[in-house]
Protein backbone atom coordinates (compact mmCIF):
# COMPACT_ATOMS: atom_id res chain seq x y z
CA MET A 1 -19.06 10.88 4.20
CA PRO A 2 -18.28 8.50 6.59
CA LEU A 3 -15.03 5.03 6.02
CA VAL A 4 -16.46 2.97 3.31
CA THR A 5 -14.57 0.05 2.55
CA SER A 6 -13.01 -1.16 -0.79
CA THR A 7 -15.84 -3.33 -2.58
CA GLU A 8 -17.62 -0.46 -4.50
CA MET A 9 -13.98 0.80 -5.15
CA PHE A 10 -12.08 -2.29 -6.63
CA LYS A 11 -15.43 -3.18 -8.57
CA LYS A 12 -15.42 0.40 -10.45
CA ALA A 13 -11.20 -0.17 -10.95
CA TYR A 14 -11.57 -3.81 -12.50
CA GLU A 15 -14.24 -2.72 -14.92
CA GLY A 16 -12.96 0.82 -15.62
CA LYS A 17 -9.09 -0.71 -16.01
CA TYR A 18 -7.10 1.25 -13.04
CA ALA A 19 -5.95 0.87 -9.88
CA ILE A 20 -6.76 2.83 -6.63
CA GLY A 21 -3.52 3.68 -4.75
CA ALA A 22 -2.79 2.26 -1.17
CA PHE A 23 -0.69 4.89 0.70
CA ASN A 24 0.89 4.22 4.11
CA VAL A 25 0.57 6.57 7.02
CA ASN A 26 2.38 7.27 9.89
CA ASN A 27 1.69 10.80 11.00
CA MET A 28 -0.55 13.74 10.33
CA GLU A 29 2.20 15.35 7.39
CA ILE A 30 2.00 12.49 5.35
CA ILE A 31 -2.23 12.00 5.76
CA GLN A 32 -2.41 15.44 4.66
CA GLY A 33 0.04 15.35 1.55
CA ILE A 34 -1.67 12.12 0.52
CA THR A 35 -5.37 13.64 0.97
CA GLU A 36 -4.86 17.03 -0.42
CA ALA A 37 -3.12 15.09 -3.68
CA ALA A 38 -6.48 12.85 -3.76
CA LYS A 39 -8.70 16.06 -3.17
CA GLU A 40 -6.86 18.08 -6.00
CA VAL A 41 -7.76 15.37 -8.45
CA ASN A 42 -11.08 13.57 -7.15
CA ALA A 43 -9.75 10.74 -6.52
CA PRO A 44 -10.92 7.53 -4.01
CA LEU A 45 -8.16 6.19 -1.61
CA ILE A 46 -6.95 3.45 0.59
CA LEU A 47 -4.71 4.99 3.84
CA GLN A 48 -3.01 1.79 5.16
CA VAL A 49 -1.99 1.48 8.66
CA SER A 50 0.91 -1.05 9.22
CA ALA A 51 1.25 -2.30 12.78
CA GLY A 52 4.39 -0.32 13.09
CA ALA A 53 2.35 2.66 12.38
CA ARG A 54 -0.32 2.01 15.46
CA LYS A 55 2.81 1.31 18.13
CA TYR A 56 4.34 4.45 16.79
CA ALA A 57 1.14 6.96 16.15
CA ASN A 58 -1.26 5.09 18.20
CA HIS A 59 -4.45 3.81 16.79
CA THR A 60 -6.64 6.47 18.28
CA TYR A 61 -4.42 9.40 16.96
CA LEU A 62 -4.56 8.12 13.59
CA MET A 63 -8.18 7.28 12.97
CA LYS A 64 -8.92 10.78 14.50
CA LEU A 65 -6.59 12.49 12.04
CA ILE A 66 -7.93 10.13 9.22
CA GLU A 67 -11.49 11.17 10.46
CA ALA A 68 -10.58 14.77 9.63
CA ALA A 69 -9.30 14.66 6.64
CA ILE A 70 -12.72 12.69 5.62
CA GLU A 71 -14.37 15.97 6.65
CA GLU A 72 -12.03 18.00 4.86
CA THR A 73 -11.83 16.37 1.44
CA GLY A 74 -15.12 14.74 1.60
CA LEU A 75 -13.65 11.57 -0.21
CA PRO A 76 -14.44 7.80 -0.54
CA ILE A 77 -11.82 6.77 1.69
CA CYS A 78 -11.27 3.09 3.42
CA VAL A 79 -8.96 2.76 6.25
CA HIS A 80 -6.89 -0.75 5.71
CA LEU A 81 -4.53 -2.76 8.22
CA ASP A 82 -1.19 -3.46 6.37
CA HIS A 83 0.22 -7.34 7.10
CA GLY A 84 -1.71 -8.00 9.37
CA ASP A 85 -0.19 -11.22 11.02
CA THR A 86 -2.42 -12.49 13.54
CA PHE A 87 -6.11 -12.67 14.27
CA GLU A 88 -5.60 -10.76 17.16
CA LEU A 89 -4.41 -7.61 15.40
CA CYS A 90 -6.60 -7.55 12.46
CA LYS A 91 -9.35 -8.34 15.42
CA SER A 92 -8.44 -5.04 17.32
CA CYS A 93 -8.31 -2.64 13.84
CA ILE A 94 -12.22 -4.49 12.87
CA ASP A 95 -12.70 -3.38 16.36
CA GLY A 96 -11.04 -0.05 16.21
CA GLY A 97 -13.25 1.28 13.07
CA PHE A 98 -10.71 -0.28 10.13
CA THR A 99 -12.82 -0.84 7.47
CA SER A 100 -10.66 -3.21 5.63
CA VAL A 101 -7.74 -5.78 7.07
CA MET A 102 -5.41 -7.61 5.59
CA ILE A 103 -4.05 -10.67 6.99
CA ASP A 104 -0.83 -12.25 5.95
CA GLY A 105 -0.30 -15.78 6.32
CA SER A 106 1.86 -16.38 3.52
CA HIS A 107 4.61 -17.17 5.89
CA HIS A 108 2.92 -20.42 6.66
CA PRO A 109 2.19 -23.63 4.74
CA PHE A 110 -0.57 -23.47 2.24
CA GLU A 111 -3.43 -25.25 4.59
CA GLU A 112 -2.41 -22.75 7.94
CA ASN A 113 -2.96 -19.69 5.65
CA ILE A 114 -6.14 -20.77 4.73
CA LYS A 115 -7.34 -21.45 8.27
CA LEU A 116 -5.91 -18.11 9.73
CA THR A 117 -7.45 -16.03 6.74
CA LYS A 118 -10.77 -18.02 6.62
CA GLN A 119 -11.08 -17.22 11.02
CA VAL A 120 -10.12 -13.26 9.78
CA VAL A 121 -12.50 -13.40 6.75
CA ASP A 122 -15.50 -14.91 9.25
CA TYR A 123 -14.91 -12.52 12.03
CA ALA A 124 -14.83 -9.48 9.50
CA HIS A 125 -17.47 -10.18 7.50
CA SER A 126 -19.54 -10.52 10.34
CA LYS A 127 -18.72 -6.87 11.05
CA GLY A 128 -19.02 -5.49 7.74
CA VAL A 129 -15.27 -5.49 6.71
CA VAL A 130 -13.69 -6.68 4.04
CA VAL A 131 -10.06 -8.53 4.03
CA GLU A 132 -7.46 -9.50 1.64
CA GLY A 133 -5.31 -12.29 2.01
CA GLU A 134 -1.60 -13.03 0.67
CA LEU A 135 -0.30 -16.08 -1.33
CA GLY A 136 3.57 -16.29 -2.21
CA ARG A 137 5.68 -14.01 -0.68
CA LEU A 138 7.68 -10.97 -1.54
CA ALA A 139 11.33 -10.43 -0.48
CA GLY A 140 12.46 -7.01 1.22
CA ILE A 141 11.85 -5.54 4.99
CA GLU A 142 9.34 -3.07 5.75
CA ASP A 143 8.29 -2.76 9.35
CA ASP A 144 7.89 -6.07 10.42
CA VAL A 145 7.94 -7.99 7.47
CA ASN A 146 11.36 -9.23 6.85
CA VAL A 147 11.66 -11.75 3.83
CA SER A 148 15.02 -13.30 2.54
CA ASP A 149 15.53 -13.42 -1.51
CA ALA A 150 15.63 -17.54 -0.79
CA ASP A 151 12.66 -17.87 1.63
CA ALA A 152 10.92 -15.10 -1.36
CA ALA A 153 8.31 -17.31 -3.96
CA PHE A 154 6.08 -16.55 -6.71
CA THR A 155 2.53 -16.96 -5.98
CA ASP A 156 1.40 -20.25 -7.62
CA PRO A 157 -1.57 -19.47 -9.83
CA ASP A 158 -2.68 -23.11 -9.22
CA GLN A 159 -3.45 -22.21 -5.40
CA VAL A 160 -5.57 -18.88 -5.70
CA GLU A 161 -8.95 -20.36 -6.77
CA GLU A 162 -8.65 -23.11 -3.88
CA PHE A 163 -7.31 -20.50 -1.44
CA VAL A 164 -10.21 -17.73 -2.26
CA GLN A 165 -13.17 -20.21 -2.48
CA ARG A 166 -12.03 -21.70 0.97
CA THR A 167 -11.12 -18.51 2.87
CA GLY A 168 -14.06 -16.03 1.60
CA VAL A 169 -11.41 -13.11 1.12
CA ASP A 170 -12.49 -9.99 -0.80
CA SER A 171 -9.12 -9.59 -2.60
CA LEU A 172 -5.49 -11.11 -2.67
CA ALA A 173 -2.26 -10.09 -2.82
CA ILE A 174 0.52 -11.58 -4.71
CA ALA A 175 3.87 -12.28 -5.89
CA ILE A 176 5.08 -11.37 -9.13
CA GLY A 177 8.21 -9.71 -8.90
CA THR A 178 7.65 -6.31 -6.52
CA SER A 179 9.46 -6.81 -3.22
CA HIS A 180 9.21 -4.28 0.10
CA GLY A 181 11.69 -1.77 1.10
CA ALA A 182 13.77 0.95 -0.83
CA PHE A 183 16.88 -1.26 -1.12
CA LYS A 184 15.16 -3.72 -2.92
CA PHE A 185 16.83 -4.22 -6.35
CA LYS A 186 20.05 -4.22 -7.90
CA GLY A 187 18.36 -3.67 -10.96
CA GLU A 188 14.99 -2.70 -12.32
CA ALA A 189 11.72 -5.15 -11.22
CA LYS A 190 10.27 -7.51 -13.86
CA LEU A 191 7.18 -8.48 -13.00
CA ARG A 192 5.48 -11.91 -14.02
CA PHE A 193 2.71 -10.80 -16.12
CA ASP A 194 2.43 -14.26 -17.50
CA ILE A 195 1.40 -15.09 -14.09
CA LEU A 196 -0.53 -12.20 -13.39
CA GLU A 197 -2.49 -13.49 -16.69
CA GLU A 198 -2.96 -17.07 -15.57
CA ILE A 199 -4.61 -15.47 -12.21
CA GLU A 200 -6.30 -13.47 -14.02
CA ARG A 201 -7.96 -16.33 -16.04
CA ARG A 202 -8.51 -18.24 -13.28
CA LEU A 203 -10.62 -15.71 -10.91
CA PRO A 204 -12.12 -13.53 -13.53
CA GLY A 205 -13.17 -10.12 -12.17
CA PHE A 206 -11.88 -10.99 -8.63
CA PRO A 207 -9.58 -7.62 -7.49
CA ILE A 208 -6.04 -8.26 -7.24
CA VAL A 209 -3.48 -6.48 -5.05
CA LEU A 210 0.29 -5.69 -5.62
CA HIS A 211 2.45 -5.13 -2.29
CA GLY A 212 5.68 -3.47 -2.76
CA ALA A 213 5.00 -1.09 -5.76
CA SER A 214 7.27 1.83 -5.08
CA SER A 215 9.31 3.12 -8.27
CA VAL A 216 11.90 4.68 -5.84
CA MET A 217 11.65 8.30 -7.74
CA PRO A 218 15.63 8.84 -8.63
CA GLU A 219 15.35 12.46 -8.01
CA TYR A 220 14.53 11.56 -3.78
CA VAL A 221 17.43 9.05 -3.92
CA GLU A 222 19.97 11.48 -5.64
CA MET A 223 19.01 14.37 -2.81
CA ILE A 224 19.04 11.79 0.05
CA ASN A 225 22.84 10.45 -1.34
CA LYS A 226 23.70 14.17 -1.86
CA PHE A 227 23.16 15.02 1.57
CA GLY A 228 24.59 12.18 3.33
CA GLY A 229 22.34 9.43 2.69
CA GLN A 230 23.79 5.88 1.49
CA MET A 231 21.50 4.56 -0.79
CA PRO A 232 23.64 3.40 -4.38
CA GLY A 233 21.73 1.64 -6.62
CA ALA A 234 18.36 1.67 -5.27
CA LYS A 235 15.89 0.66 -7.69
CA GLY A 236 12.05 -0.23 -7.93
CA VAL A 237 9.21 -0.76 -10.15
CA PRO A 238 9.00 0.62 -13.64
CA GLU A 239 5.95 2.90 -13.98
CA ASP A 240 4.92 1.78 -16.73
CA MET A 241 4.91 -1.82 -15.30
CA LEU A 242 2.44 -0.48 -12.68
CA ARG A 243 0.29 1.06 -15.30
CA LYS A 244 0.51 -2.08 -17.11
CA ALA A 245 -1.04 -4.39 -13.91
CA ALA A 246 -3.48 -1.70 -13.64
CA SER A 247 -5.19 -2.37 -16.45
CA MET A 248 -5.39 -5.99 -16.20
CA ALA A 249 -6.80 -7.64 -12.61
CA VAL A 250 -4.92 -5.17 -10.03
CA CYS A 251 -7.14 -3.21 -8.44
CA LYS A 252 -4.79 -1.93 -5.59
CA ILE A 253 -1.20 -0.89 -5.87
CA ASN A 254 0.76 -0.14 -2.15
CA ILE A 255 2.95 2.78 -2.34
CA ASP A 256 4.99 3.68 0.62
CA SER A 257 8.94 3.95 0.18
CA ASP A 258 8.39 6.39 -2.54
CA LEU A 259 6.63 8.56 0.43
CA ARG A 260 9.20 8.06 2.42
CA LEU A 261 11.99 8.64 0.06
CA ALA A 262 10.24 12.11 -0.77
CA LEU A 263 9.99 13.00 2.94
CA THR A 264 13.20 12.14 4.35
CA GLY A 265 15.19 13.47 0.78
CA THR A 266 13.16 16.82 1.27
CA ILE A 267 14.09 17.21 5.13
CA ARG A 268 17.37 16.03 4.43
CA LYS A 269 17.75 18.95 1.74
CA TYR A 270 16.60 21.57 4.04
CA PHE A 271 18.64 20.93 7.09
CA ALA A 272 21.58 20.92 4.36
CA GLU A 273 20.65 24.30 3.44
CA ASN A 274 19.11 25.30 6.86
CA PRO A 275 21.54 24.22 9.49
CA SER A 276 20.65 26.03 12.27
CA HIS A 277 16.68 26.07 11.91
CA PHE A 278 14.96 23.93 14.40
CA ASP A 279 11.14 24.97 14.06
CA PRO A 280 9.12 21.72 12.63
CA ARG A 281 6.94 23.39 10.58
CA GLN A 282 9.76 25.18 8.48
CA TYR A 283 10.95 21.10 7.20
CA LEU A 284 7.90 19.39 7.71
CA GLY A 285 5.78 21.78 5.77
CA PRO A 286 8.14 21.42 2.35
CA ALA A 287 8.18 17.32 3.41
CA ARG A 288 4.34 17.15 3.40
CA THR A 289 4.10 19.36 -0.27
CA ALA A 290 6.56 16.61 -1.55
CA ILE A 291 4.38 13.73 -0.47
CA LYS A 292 1.89 15.76 -2.33
CA GLU A 293 3.18 15.83 -5.28
CA ILE A 294 4.34 12.90 -5.57
CA VAL A 295 0.68 11.15 -4.47
CA LYS A 296 -0.49 13.66 -7.28
CA HIS A 297 1.51 12.03 -9.83
CA LYS A 298 1.10 8.62 -8.82
CA ILE A 299 -2.81 8.99 -9.16
CA VAL A 300 -2.97 10.64 -12.37
CA ASN A 301 0.53 9.23 -13.99
CA VAL A 302 0.41 5.20 -12.77
CA LEU A 303 -3.03 4.29 -11.30
CA GLY A 304 -5.31 6.43 -13.19
CA CYS A 305 -7.89 6.68 -10.47
CA ASP A 306 -8.01 10.62 -10.99
CA GLY A 307 -11.57 11.72 -11.54
CA LYS A 308 -12.72 8.30 -9.93
CA ALA A 309 -13.96 9.30 -6.37
């Protein structure tokens, strides 16, 4: 099966009141853990690549690993650029085989965001690629995205219709209380479902995206802290809130921090218990398994997209 866009995925998700998991990838073990989990529960997938991941792992290597995952699983997989911030970056990913890109112009004034987003949409659509735009700004840090609490802003429902109509985007990322990174909340997030409901009313049938939606699984935070980490009070988005969002207009939920925490916690634990070991297979293997279990949990218990491939 070749790579697919998210168009059909989102249509089915909206009608079925579930969401597709969009998981960030950086290396082979992460890709394997995610795709093996999805295969076991027969779920469609969006594999996200950030600009930082492309720099770290190399675009060609990542694409070949994803091609191998498609061959191994036979799943419908969409490859998506996460938080593209320039036309040039989006164009490079489109020309390099991505089937979806995000252009994040949320740091620009409204008119500039529209102009940049439409430029990307026009090019992407000419190549059969879909585009995610963003309105509103999430606080937090993730790769090159760094937004302070003071600069964060909820999405204004009064702007969404004009933005979608003038840009032609295929999906819209909104800010309703999630945030990037694992050190996000002094308390648990509380999502603004009133904003989501109003956006859904104004854009009926249109796919909405939630970024920064990791739940910061407490067992892995505790594992990291036990074996030398410093993450006191790290919180995320309660999973019941994500399930509710998935039953509404949210068709794509991004998950990255939970994968990083699972991988890091497992490796820290392994070295604490086996300080003399140095074979990377011995610690990356358990880390891959931890990612697989996290992804299966998210697909089945949070997203509801198991059996939907």
